[in-house]
Full PDB file with SEQRES, HELIX, SHEET, SSBOND, CRYST1, ORIGX, SCALE, CONECT and MASTER records, all heavy atoms in Angstrom:
SEQRES   1 A   32  PHE ARG ILE VAL VAL ALA VAL SER ALA LEU PHE VAL ALA          
SEQRES   2 A   32  PHE SER PRO LEU SER ASP GLY LEU THR ALA THR TYR ARG          
SEQRES   3 A   32  VAL LEU GLY GLN ALA ALA                                      
HELIX    1 AA1 ARG A    2  ALA A   13  1                                  12    
HELIX    2 AA2 PRO A   16  SER A   18  5                                   3    
HELIX    3 AA3 ALA A   23  ALA A   31  1                                   9    
CRYST1    1.000    1.000    1.000  90.00  90.00  90.00 P 1           1          
ORIGX1      1.000000  0.000000  0.000000        0.00000                         
ORIGX2      0.000000  1.000000  0.000000        0.00000                         
ORIGX3      0.000000  0.000000  1.000000        0.00000                         
SCALE1      1.000000  0.000000  0.000000        0.00000                         
SCALE2      0.000000  1.000000  0.000000        0.00000                         
SCALE3      0.000000  0.000000  1.000000        0.00000                         
ATOM      1  N   PHE A   1       0.823  -1.201   0.010  1.00  0.00           N  
ATOM      2  CA  PHE A   1      -0.001   0.019  -0.019  1.00  0.00           C  
ATOM      3  C   PHE A   1       0.859   1.246   0.006  1.00  0.00           C  
ATOM      4  O   PHE A   1       0.537   2.255  -0.684  1.00  0.00           O  
ATOM      5  CB  PHE A   1      -0.915  -0.047   1.206  1.00  0.00           C  
ATOM      6  CG  PHE A   1      -1.763   1.161   1.359  1.00  0.00           C  
ATOM      7  CD1 PHE A   1      -2.867   1.382   0.548  1.00  0.00           C  
ATOM      8  CD2 PHE A   1      -1.493   2.153   2.336  1.00  0.00           C  
ATOM      9  CE1 PHE A   1      -3.720   2.463   0.631  1.00  0.00           C  
ATOM     10  CE2 PHE A   1      -2.323   3.261   2.434  1.00  0.00           C  
ATOM     11  CZ  PHE A   1      -3.348   3.417   1.629  1.00  0.00           C  
ATOM     12  N   ARG A   2       1.972   1.237   0.742  1.00  0.00           N  
ATOM     13  CA  ARG A   2       2.863   2.398   0.763  1.00  0.00           C  
ATOM     14  C   ARG A   2       3.456   2.682  -0.648  1.00  0.00           C  
ATOM     15  O   ARG A   2       3.594   3.816  -1.039  1.00  0.00           O  
ATOM     16  CB  ARG A   2       4.024   2.140   1.728  1.00  0.00           C  
ATOM     17  CG  ARG A   2       3.682   2.242   3.161  1.00  0.00           C  
ATOM     18  CD  ARG A   2       4.926   2.379   3.992  1.00  0.00           C  
ATOM     19  NE  ARG A   2       4.608   2.329   5.442  1.00  0.00           N  
ATOM     20  CZ  ARG A   2       4.734   1.307   6.246  1.00  0.00           C  
ATOM     21  NH1 ARG A   2       5.282   0.142   5.762  1.00  0.00           N  
ATOM     22  NH2 ARG A   2       4.402   1.406   7.517  1.00  0.00           N  
ATOM     23  N   ILE A   3       3.804   1.607  -1.326  1.00  0.00           N  
ATOM     24  CA  ILE A   3       4.385   1.779  -2.686  1.00  0.00           C  
ATOM     25  C   ILE A   3       3.348   2.442  -3.591  1.00  0.00           C  
ATOM     26  O   ILE A   3       3.687   3.359  -4.364  1.00  0.00           O  
ATOM     27  CB  ILE A   3       4.812   0.430  -3.257  1.00  0.00           C  
ATOM     28  CG1 ILE A   3       5.964  -0.200  -2.426  1.00  0.00           C  
ATOM     29  CG2 ILE A   3       5.250   0.546  -4.722  1.00  0.00           C  
ATOM     30  CD1 ILE A   3       7.206   0.585  -2.457  1.00  0.00           C  
ATOM     31  N   VAL A   4       2.115   2.043  -3.470  1.00  0.00           N  
ATOM     32  CA  VAL A   4       1.024   2.666  -4.307  1.00  0.00           C  
ATOM     33  C   VAL A   4       0.876   4.120  -4.002  1.00  0.00           C  
ATOM     34  O   VAL A   4       0.777   5.015  -4.805  1.00  0.00           O  
ATOM     35  CB  VAL A   4      -0.255   1.862  -4.151  1.00  0.00           C  
ATOM     36  CG1 VAL A   4      -1.420   2.636  -4.907  1.00  0.00           C  
ATOM     37  CG2 VAL A   4      -0.165   0.427  -4.687  1.00  0.00           C  
ATOM     38  N   VAL A   5       0.862   4.439  -2.648  1.00  0.00           N  
ATOM     39  CA  VAL A   5       0.680   5.849  -2.221  1.00  0.00           C  
ATOM     40  C   VAL A   5       1.876   6.684  -2.624  1.00  0.00           C  
ATOM     41  O   VAL A   5       1.733   7.822  -3.135  1.00  0.00           O  
ATOM     42  CB  VAL A   5       0.454   5.863  -0.693  1.00  0.00           C  
ATOM     43  CG1 VAL A   5       0.444   7.366  -0.216  1.00  0.00           C  
ATOM     44  CG2 VAL A   5      -0.819   5.202  -0.317  1.00  0.00           C  
ATOM     45  N   ALA A   6       3.175   6.066  -2.518  1.00  0.00           N  
ATOM     46  CA  ALA A   6       4.294   6.849  -2.893  1.00  0.00           C  
ATOM     47  C   ALA A   6       4.394   7.114  -4.372  1.00  0.00           C  
ATOM     48  O   ALA A   6       4.722   8.235  -4.756  1.00  0.00           O  
ATOM     49  CB  ALA A   6       5.582   6.014  -2.492  1.00  0.00           C  
ATOM     50  N   VAL A   7       3.998   6.125  -5.238  1.00  0.00           N  
ATOM     51  CA  VAL A   7       3.979   6.397  -6.660  1.00  0.00           C  
ATOM     52  C   VAL A   7       2.911   7.461  -7.005  1.00  0.00           C  
ATOM     53  O   VAL A   7       3.177   8.333  -7.835  1.00  0.00           O  
ATOM     54  CB  VAL A   7       3.609   5.047  -7.365  1.00  0.00           C  
ATOM     55  CG1 VAL A   7       3.394   5.310  -8.886  1.00  0.00           C  
ATOM     56  CG2 VAL A   7       4.819   4.066  -7.216  1.00  0.00           C  
ATOM     57  N   SER A   8       1.848   7.439  -6.340  1.00  0.00           N  
ATOM     58  CA  SER A   8       0.763   8.449  -6.573  1.00  0.00           C  
ATOM     59  C   SER A   8       1.268   9.819  -6.176  1.00  0.00           C  
ATOM     60  O   SER A   8       1.004  10.807  -6.904  1.00  0.00           O  
ATOM     61  CB  SER A   8      -0.533   8.043  -5.845  1.00  0.00           C  
ATOM     62  OG  SER A   8      -0.989   6.756  -6.224  1.00  0.00           O  
ATOM     63  N   ALA A   9       1.902   9.870  -5.022  1.00  0.00           N  
ATOM     64  CA  ALA A   9       2.396  11.220  -4.546  1.00  0.00           C  
ATOM     65  C   ALA A   9       3.503  11.751  -5.476  1.00  0.00           C  
ATOM     66  O   ALA A   9       3.487  12.903  -5.730  1.00  0.00           O  
ATOM     67  CB  ALA A   9       2.896  11.040  -3.137  1.00  0.00           C  
ATOM     68  N   LEU A  10       4.427  10.846  -5.930  1.00  0.00           N  
ATOM     69  CA  LEU A  10       5.394  11.296  -6.847  1.00  0.00           C  
ATOM     70  C   LEU A  10       4.803  11.793  -8.184  1.00  0.00           C  
ATOM     71  O   LEU A  10       5.268  12.804  -8.770  1.00  0.00           O  
ATOM     72  CB  LEU A  10       6.432  10.180  -7.111  1.00  0.00           C  
ATOM     73  CG  LEU A  10       7.364   9.827  -5.932  1.00  0.00           C  
ATOM     74  CD1 LEU A  10       8.176   8.530  -6.322  1.00  0.00           C  
ATOM     75  CD2 LEU A  10       8.288  10.970  -5.700  1.00  0.00           C  
ATOM     76  N   PHE A  11       3.818  11.069  -8.617  1.00  0.00           N  
ATOM     77  CA  PHE A  11       3.185  11.485  -9.878  1.00  0.00           C  
ATOM     78  C   PHE A  11       2.502  12.830  -9.766  1.00  0.00           C  
ATOM     79  O   PHE A  11       2.677  13.731 -10.642  1.00  0.00           O  
ATOM     80  CB  PHE A  11       2.109  10.422 -10.279  1.00  0.00           C  
ATOM     81  CG  PHE A  11       1.306  10.824 -11.511  1.00  0.00           C  
ATOM     82  CD1 PHE A  11       1.901  10.731 -12.802  1.00  0.00           C  
ATOM     83  CD2 PHE A  11       0.032  11.258 -11.372  1.00  0.00           C  
ATOM     84  CE1 PHE A  11       1.159  11.054 -13.906  1.00  0.00           C  
ATOM     85  CE2 PHE A  11      -0.656  11.669 -12.509  1.00  0.00           C  
ATOM     86  CZ  PHE A  11      -0.137  11.546 -13.800  1.00  0.00           C  
ATOM     87  N   VAL A  12       1.841  13.075  -8.648  1.00  0.00           N  
ATOM     88  CA  VAL A  12       1.192  14.362  -8.486  1.00  0.00           C  
ATOM     89  C   VAL A  12       2.216  15.484  -8.252  1.00  0.00           C  
ATOM     90  O   VAL A  12       2.054  16.626  -8.798  1.00  0.00           O  
ATOM     91  CB  VAL A  12       0.204  14.346  -7.305  1.00  0.00           C  
ATOM     92  CG1 VAL A  12      -0.371  15.663  -6.954  1.00  0.00           C  
ATOM     93  CG2 VAL A  12      -0.888  13.329  -7.581  1.00  0.00           C  
ATOM     94  N   ALA A  13       3.275  15.197  -7.475  1.00  0.00           N  
ATOM     95  CA  ALA A  13       4.269  16.196  -7.137  1.00  0.00           C  
ATOM     96  C   ALA A  13       5.055  16.645  -8.378  1.00  0.00           C  
ATOM     97  O   ALA A  13       5.420  17.857  -8.460  1.00  0.00           O  
ATOM     98  CB  ALA A  13       5.191  15.709  -6.000  1.00  0.00           C  
ATOM     99  N   PHE A  14       5.367  15.790  -9.308  1.00  0.00           N  
ATOM    100  CA  PHE A  14       6.188  16.097 -10.415  1.00  0.00           C  
ATOM    101  C   PHE A  14       5.414  16.190 -11.694  1.00  0.00           C  
ATOM    102  O   PHE A  14       5.999  16.181 -12.846  1.00  0.00           O  
ATOM    103  CB  PHE A  14       7.301  15.043 -10.562  1.00  0.00           C  
ATOM    104  CG  PHE A  14       8.325  15.091  -9.495  1.00  0.00           C  
ATOM    105  CD1 PHE A  14       8.143  14.283  -8.360  1.00  0.00           C  
ATOM    106  CD2 PHE A  14       9.386  15.981  -9.541  1.00  0.00           C  
ATOM    107  CE1 PHE A  14       9.101  14.304  -7.341  1.00  0.00           C  
ATOM    108  CE2 PHE A  14      10.351  15.999  -8.511  1.00  0.00           C  
ATOM    109  CZ  PHE A  14      10.217  15.197  -7.440  1.00  0.00           C  
ATOM    110  N   SER A  15       4.067  16.392 -11.639  1.00  0.00           N  
ATOM    111  CA  SER A  15       3.282  16.470 -12.798  1.00  0.00           C  
ATOM    112  C   SER A  15       2.666  17.870 -12.866  1.00  0.00           C  
ATOM    113  O   SER A  15       2.715  18.631 -11.931  1.00  0.00           O  
ATOM    114  CB  SER A  15       2.166  15.414 -12.842  1.00  0.00           C  
ATOM    115  OG  SER A  15       1.252  15.658 -11.793  1.00  0.00           O  
ATOM    116  N   PRO A  16       2.085  18.228 -14.035  1.00  0.00           N  
ATOM    117  CA  PRO A  16       1.396  19.532 -14.047  1.00  0.00           C  
ATOM    118  C   PRO A  16       0.264  19.697 -13.015  1.00  0.00           C  
ATOM    119  O   PRO A  16      -0.250  20.863 -12.855  1.00  0.00           O  
ATOM    120  CB  PRO A  16       0.855  19.563 -15.510  1.00  0.00           C  
ATOM    121  CG  PRO A  16       1.704  18.644 -16.274  1.00  0.00           C  
ATOM    122  CD  PRO A  16       2.094  17.587 -15.342  1.00  0.00           C  
ATOM    123  N   LEU A  17      -0.171  18.617 -12.388  1.00  0.00           N  
ATOM    124  CA  LEU A  17      -1.269  18.744 -11.408  1.00  0.00           C  
ATOM    125  C   LEU A  17      -0.805  19.665 -10.215  1.00  0.00           C  
ATOM    126  O   LEU A  17      -1.632  20.148  -9.499  1.00  0.00           O  
ATOM    127  CB  LEU A  17      -1.589  17.348 -10.937  1.00  0.00           C  
ATOM    128  CG  LEU A  17      -2.253  16.462 -11.932  1.00  0.00           C  
ATOM    129  CD1 LEU A  17      -2.544  15.049 -11.299  1.00  0.00           C  
ATOM    130  CD2 LEU A  17      -3.581  17.036 -12.452  1.00  0.00           C  
ATOM    131  N   SER A  18       0.516  19.758 -10.006  1.00  0.00           N  
ATOM    132  CA  SER A  18       1.004  20.552  -8.876  1.00  0.00           C  
ATOM    133  C   SER A  18       1.336  21.953  -9.302  1.00  0.00           C  
ATOM    134  O   SER A  18       1.926  22.711  -8.507  1.00  0.00           O  
ATOM    135  CB  SER A  18       2.258  19.908  -8.301  1.00  0.00           C  
ATOM    136  OG  SER A  18       3.287  19.800  -9.251  1.00  0.00           O  
ATOM    137  N   ASP A  19       0.946  22.425 -10.538  1.00  0.00           N  
ATOM    138  CA  ASP A  19       1.338  23.783 -11.006  1.00  0.00           C  
ATOM    139  C   ASP A  19       0.550  24.817 -10.148  1.00  0.00           C  
ATOM    140  O   ASP A  19       0.987  26.005 -10.100  1.00  0.00           O  
ATOM    141  CB  ASP A  19       1.013  23.887 -12.457  1.00  0.00           C  
ATOM    142  CG  ASP A  19       1.928  23.096 -13.345  1.00  0.00           C  
ATOM    143  OD1 ASP A  19       3.012  22.674 -12.820  1.00  0.00           O  
ATOM    144  OD2 ASP A  19       1.593  22.826 -14.526  1.00  0.00           O  
ATOM    145  N   GLY A  20      -0.561  24.468  -9.643  1.00  0.00           N  
ATOM    146  CA  GLY A  20      -1.388  25.435  -8.889  1.00  0.00           C  
ATOM    147  C   GLY A  20      -0.759  25.735  -7.546  1.00  0.00           C  
ATOM    148  O   GLY A  20      -1.252  26.669  -6.880  1.00  0.00           O  
ATOM    149  N   LEU A  21       0.196  24.986  -7.064  1.00  0.00           N  
ATOM    150  CA  LEU A  21       0.785  25.276  -5.747  1.00  0.00           C  
ATOM    151  C   LEU A  21       1.850  26.289  -5.876  1.00  0.00           C  
ATOM    152  O   LEU A  21       2.465  26.530  -6.905  1.00  0.00           O  
ATOM    153  CB  LEU A  21       1.458  23.961  -5.228  1.00  0.00           C  
ATOM    154  CG  LEU A  21       0.470  22.744  -5.065  1.00  0.00           C  
ATOM    155  CD1 LEU A  21       1.268  21.537  -4.597  1.00  0.00           C  
ATOM    156  CD2 LEU A  21      -0.601  23.052  -4.113  1.00  0.00           C  
ATOM    157  N   THR A  22       2.130  26.923  -4.774  1.00  0.00           N  
ATOM    158  CA  THR A  22       3.221  27.863  -4.666  1.00  0.00           C  
ATOM    159  C   THR A  22       4.527  27.164  -4.818  1.00  0.00           C  
ATOM    160  O   THR A  22       4.583  25.913  -4.600  1.00  0.00           O  
ATOM    161  CB  THR A  22       3.154  28.705  -3.397  1.00  0.00           C  
ATOM    162  OG1 THR A  22       3.374  27.812  -2.295  1.00  0.00           O  
ATOM    163  CG2 THR A  22       1.880  29.440  -3.268  1.00  0.00           C  
ATOM    164  N   ALA A  23       5.583  27.850  -5.146  1.00  0.00           N  
ATOM    165  CA  ALA A  23       6.902  27.176  -5.269  1.00  0.00           C  
ATOM    166  C   ALA A  23       7.332  26.521  -4.019  1.00  0.00           C  
ATOM    167  O   ALA A  23       7.922  25.410  -4.045  1.00  0.00           O  
ATOM    168  CB  ALA A  23       7.944  28.247  -5.792  1.00  0.00           C  
ATOM    169  N   THR A  24       7.078  27.160  -2.865  1.00  0.00           N  
ATOM    170  CA  THR A  24       7.514  26.582  -1.557  1.00  0.00           C  
ATOM    171  C   THR A  24       6.796  25.301  -1.329  1.00  0.00           C  
ATOM    172  O   THR A  24       7.448  24.253  -0.989  1.00  0.00           O  
ATOM    173  CB  THR A  24       7.271  27.582  -0.442  1.00  0.00           C  
ATOM    174  OG1 THR A  24       7.945  28.804  -0.755  1.00  0.00           O  
ATOM    175  CG2 THR A  24       7.708  27.027   0.858  1.00  0.00           C  
ATOM    176  N   TYR A  25       5.436  25.320  -1.486  1.00  0.00           N  
ATOM    177  CA  TYR A  25       4.727  24.145  -1.211  1.00  0.00           C  
ATOM    178  C   TYR A  25       5.008  23.032  -2.277  1.00  0.00           C  
ATOM    179  O   TYR A  25       4.925  21.801  -1.915  1.00  0.00           O  
ATOM    180  CB  TYR A  25       3.208  24.366  -1.138  1.00  0.00           C  
ATOM    181  CG  TYR A  25       2.811  25.000   0.167  1.00  0.00           C  
ATOM    182  CD1 TYR A  25       2.281  26.312   0.184  1.00  0.00           C  
ATOM    183  CD2 TYR A  25       2.945  24.377   1.344  1.00  0.00           C  
ATOM    184  CE1 TYR A  25       1.872  26.947   1.354  1.00  0.00           C  
ATOM    185  CE2 TYR A  25       2.548  24.942   2.562  1.00  0.00           C  
ATOM    186  CZ  TYR A  25       2.038  26.200   2.514  1.00  0.00           C  
ATOM    187  OH  TYR A  25       1.673  26.792   3.751  1.00  0.00           O  
ATOM    188  N   ARG A  26       5.337  23.436  -3.463  1.00  0.00           N  
ATOM    189  CA  ARG A  26       5.566  22.421  -4.486  1.00  0.00           C  
ATOM    190  C   ARG A  26       6.898  21.667  -4.167  1.00  0.00           C  
ATOM    191  O   ARG A  26       6.962  20.473  -4.279  1.00  0.00           O  
ATOM    192  CB  ARG A  26       5.638  23.045  -5.871  1.00  0.00           C  
ATOM    193  CG  ARG A  26       5.856  22.016  -7.006  1.00  0.00           C  
ATOM    194  CD  ARG A  26       5.777  22.765  -8.336  1.00  0.00           C  
ATOM    195  NE  ARG A  26       5.877  21.681  -9.452  1.00  0.00           N  
ATOM    196  CZ  ARG A  26       5.805  21.977 -10.724  1.00  0.00           C  
ATOM    197  NH1 ARG A  26       5.659  23.240 -11.111  1.00  0.00           N  
ATOM    198  NH2 ARG A  26       5.936  21.078 -11.631  1.00  0.00           N  
ATOM    199  N   VAL A  27       7.935  22.458  -3.836  1.00  0.00           N  
ATOM    200  CA  VAL A  27       9.220  21.814  -3.424  1.00  0.00           C  
ATOM    201  C   VAL A  27       9.014  20.985  -2.176  1.00  0.00           C  
ATOM    202  O   VAL A  27       9.613  19.905  -2.058  1.00  0.00           O  
ATOM    203  CB  VAL A  27      10.241  22.913  -3.173  1.00  0.00           C  
ATOM    204  CG1 VAL A  27      11.538  22.331  -2.605  1.00  0.00           C  
ATOM    205  CG2 VAL A  27      10.547  23.640  -4.494  1.00  0.00           C  
ATOM    206  N   LEU A  28       8.270  21.514  -1.177  1.00  0.00           N  
ATOM    207  CA  LEU A  28       7.954  20.740   0.072  1.00  0.00           C  
ATOM    208  C   LEU A  28       7.235  19.398  -0.271  1.00  0.00           C  
ATOM    209  O   LEU A  28       7.625  18.365   0.240  1.00  0.00           O  
ATOM    210  CB  LEU A  28       7.144  21.605   1.026  1.00  0.00           C  
ATOM    211  CG  LEU A  28       6.801  20.873   2.342  1.00  0.00           C  
ATOM    212  CD1 LEU A  28       8.015  20.568   3.119  1.00  0.00           C  
ATOM    213  CD2 LEU A  28       5.826  21.776   3.156  1.00  0.00           C  
ATOM    214  N   GLY A  29       6.300  19.467  -1.211  1.00  0.00           N  
ATOM    215  CA  GLY A  29       5.533  18.263  -1.589  1.00  0.00           C  
ATOM    216  C   GLY A  29       6.440  17.252  -2.296  1.00  0.00           C  
ATOM    217  O   GLY A  29       6.358  16.068  -2.129  1.00  0.00           O  
ATOM    218  N   GLN A  30       7.289  17.801  -3.206  1.00  0.00           N  
ATOM    219  CA  GLN A  30       8.206  16.940  -3.982  1.00  0.00           C  
ATOM    220  C   GLN A  30       9.177  16.226  -3.012  1.00  0.00           C  
ATOM    221  O   GLN A  30       9.467  15.038  -3.156  1.00  0.00           O  
ATOM    222  CB  GLN A  30       8.895  17.668  -5.065  1.00  0.00           C  
ATOM    223  CG  GLN A  30       7.981  18.128  -6.215  1.00  0.00           C  
ATOM    224  CD  GLN A  30       8.707  18.990  -7.200  1.00  0.00           C  
ATOM    225  OE1 GLN A  30       9.817  19.486  -6.969  1.00  0.00           O  
ATOM    226  NE2 GLN A  30       8.008  19.290  -8.328  1.00  0.00           N  
ATOM    227  N   ALA A  31       9.734  17.034  -2.063  1.00  0.00           N  
ATOM    228  CA  ALA A  31      10.735  16.460  -1.083  1.00  0.00           C  
ATOM    229  C   ALA A  31      10.001  15.380  -0.282  1.00  0.00           C  
ATOM    230  O   ALA A  31      10.598  14.335  -0.002  1.00  0.00           O  
ATOM    231  CB  ALA A  31      11.337  17.581  -0.264  1.00  0.00           C  
ATOM    232  N   ALA A  32       8.836  15.714   0.240  1.00  0.00           N  
ATOM    233  CA  ALA A  32       8.119  14.789   1.060  1.00  0.00           C  
ATOM    234  C   ALA A  32       7.759  13.444   0.352  1.00  0.00           C  
ATOM    235  O   ALA A  32       7.843  12.395   0.848  1.00  0.00           O  
ATOM    236  CB  ALA A  32       6.861  15.431   1.691  1.00  0.00           C  
TER     237      ALA A  32                                                      
MASTER        0    0    0    3    0    0    0    6  236    1    0    3          
END                                                                             
């Protein structure tokens, strides 16, 4: 289950879906 959640989080963090976030939160989300 963690692998599925991690893949989904990476996809959202490094895809255009995260363009609406501020630069700080985007970097924070990608790092997390």
